[in-house]
Amino acid sequence: MPNTDPDADIDLQEVSARNDNARHIVAGCAAAMPTLSDMWRYLQDALDDTLALSAGISRLSAELQRARLDRANLRAAMRATLAAHADGELDPMWYLRDAIDAAPETASRRQR
């Protein structure tokens, strides 16, 4: 399966390091030129947005990985169910029920 991770090219450690460097530059410039305080505050807010976005990317990446694993497990259970049915097992749906019961509860399943 090809790598379809949307943030595979994003190095969050590098983003964080550049963000820290930019914060130091802004702090130094703000100290040297306090008359431009509104501009420095605006830049600081933009840098804060970068931190929030990085945290969001990390959280969403973890959720995506969990969803992919759940999907792979359910797909394997479906294949096992079909093979069990073809083999004439008495309860071929057991594989699917077991996988569904073992899957972690998601927000959409809790709302039902």
Protein backbone atom coordinates (compact mmCIF):
# COMPACT_ATOMS: atom_id res chain seq x y z
CA MET A 1 0.00 0.00 0.00
CA PRO A 2 1.46 3.38 -0.96
CA ASN A 3 2.15 5.94 1.73
CA THR A 4 -0.94 8.16 1.74
CA ASP A 5 -0.08 9.98 4.96
CA PRO A 6 -0.92 13.62 4.16
CA ASP A 7 1.68 15.05 6.53
CA ALA A 8 4.51 12.63 5.72
CA ASP A 9 6.69 15.49 4.47
CA ILE A 10 6.09 17.68 7.53
CA ASP A 11 8.90 17.59 10.06
CA LEU A 12 7.19 18.92 13.18
CA GLN A 13 10.46 19.07 15.12
CA GLU A 14 11.95 21.29 12.42
CA VAL A 15 8.81 23.44 12.40
CA SER A 16 9.05 23.80 16.17
CA ALA A 17 12.74 24.71 16.02
CA ARG A 18 12.13 27.39 13.37
CA ASN A 19 9.21 28.68 15.41
CA ASP A 20 11.43 29.00 18.50
CA ASN A 21 14.09 30.83 16.48
CA ALA A 22 11.50 33.20 15.05
CA ARG A 23 10.16 33.90 18.55
CA HIS A 24 13.66 34.86 19.72
CA ILE A 25 14.10 37.14 16.70
CA VAL A 26 10.74 38.80 17.32
CA ALA A 27 11.54 39.24 21.02
CA GLY A 28 14.89 40.83 20.17
CA CYS A 29 13.39 43.14 17.58
CA ALA A 30 10.53 44.08 19.92
CA ALA A 31 13.05 45.03 22.59
CA ALA A 32 15.06 47.09 20.10
CA MET A 33 12.04 48.74 18.49
CA PRO A 34 9.25 49.02 21.08
CA THR A 35 7.41 51.63 19.01
CA LEU A 36 6.36 48.82 16.68
CA SER A 37 4.79 46.79 19.50
CA ASP A 38 1.53 46.19 17.60
CA MET A 39 3.44 44.65 14.71
CA TRP A 40 5.52 42.43 17.03
CA ARG A 41 2.36 41.28 18.82
CA TYR A 42 0.80 40.40 15.46
CA LEU A 43 3.85 38.31 14.52
CA GLN A 44 3.82 36.64 17.94
CA ASP A 45 0.15 35.69 17.42
CA ALA A 46 1.02 34.19 14.04
CA LEU A 47 3.77 32.13 15.66
CA ASP A 48 1.27 30.95 18.29
CA ASP A 49 -0.99 29.79 15.44
CA THR A 50 1.86 27.64 14.13
CA LEU A 51 2.13 25.87 17.48
CA ALA A 52 -1.62 25.22 17.52
CA LEU A 53 -1.50 23.88 13.97
CA SER A 54 1.39 21.57 14.83
CA ALA A 55 -0.54 20.17 17.78
CA GLY A 56 -3.57 19.65 15.55
CA ILE A 57 -1.50 17.83 12.94
CA SER A 58 -0.06 15.53 15.60
CA ARG A 59 -3.50 14.74 17.00
CA LEU A 60 -5.05 14.15 13.58
CA SER A 61 -2.13 11.97 12.48
CA ALA A 62 -2.61 9.76 15.54
CA GLU A 63 -6.36 9.52 14.86
CA LEU A 64 -5.66 8.63 11.23
CA GLN A 65 -3.24 5.88 12.24
CA ARG A 66 -5.84 4.42 14.64
CA ALA A 67 -8.54 4.57 11.97
CA ARG A 68 -6.28 2.83 9.44
CA LEU A 69 -5.51 0.06 11.93
CA ASP A 70 -9.21 -0.38 12.74
CA ARG A 71 -10.02 -0.53 9.03
CA ALA A 72 -7.29 -3.11 8.40
CA ASN A 73 -8.50 -5.26 11.30
CA LEU A 74 -12.10 -5.12 10.08
CA ARG A 75 -11.03 -5.96 6.54
CA ALA A 76 -9.09 -8.99 7.82
CA ALA A 77 -12.15 -10.07 9.80
CA MET A 78 -14.33 -9.75 6.67
CA ARG A 79 -11.91 -11.94 4.72
CA ALA A 80 -11.84 -14.50 7.54
CA THR A 81 -15.65 -14.48 7.62
CA LEU A 82 -15.87 -15.10 3.87
CA ALA A 83 -13.29 -17.90 4.07
CA ALA A 84 -15.10 -19.47 7.04
CA HIS A 85 -18.38 -19.34 5.11
CA ALA A 86 -16.74 -20.95 2.09
CA ASP A 87 -15.32 -23.66 4.39
CA GLY A 88 -18.78 -24.34 5.78
CA GLU A 89 -18.07 -23.26 9.36
CA LEU A 90 -21.15 -23.18 11.58
CA ASP A 91 -20.73 -19.54 12.64
CA PRO A 92 -18.62 -17.70 10.07
CA MET A 93 -19.87 -14.31 11.31
CA TRP A 94 -18.01 -14.90 14.58
CA TYR A 95 -14.86 -13.35 13.08
CA LEU A 96 -16.67 -10.16 12.18
CA ARG A 97 -18.52 -9.89 15.50
CA ASP A 98 -15.27 -10.43 17.38
CA ALA A 99 -13.48 -7.71 15.39
CA ILE A 100 -16.33 -5.25 15.88
CA ASP A 101 -16.44 -5.97 19.61
CA ALA A 102 -12.66 -5.55 19.87
CA ALA A 103 -12.58 -2.26 17.96
CA PRO A 104 -12.20 0.79 20.18
CA GLU A 105 -15.32 2.83 20.62
CA THR A 106 -15.29 5.93 18.43
CA ALA A 107 -17.19 9.15 18.97
CA SER A 108 -19.64 8.29 16.18
CA ARG A 109 -20.42 4.89 17.72
CA ARG A 110 -20.92 6.49 21.18
CA GLN A 111 -23.52 8.88 19.81
CA ARG A 112 -25.82 6.10 18.61
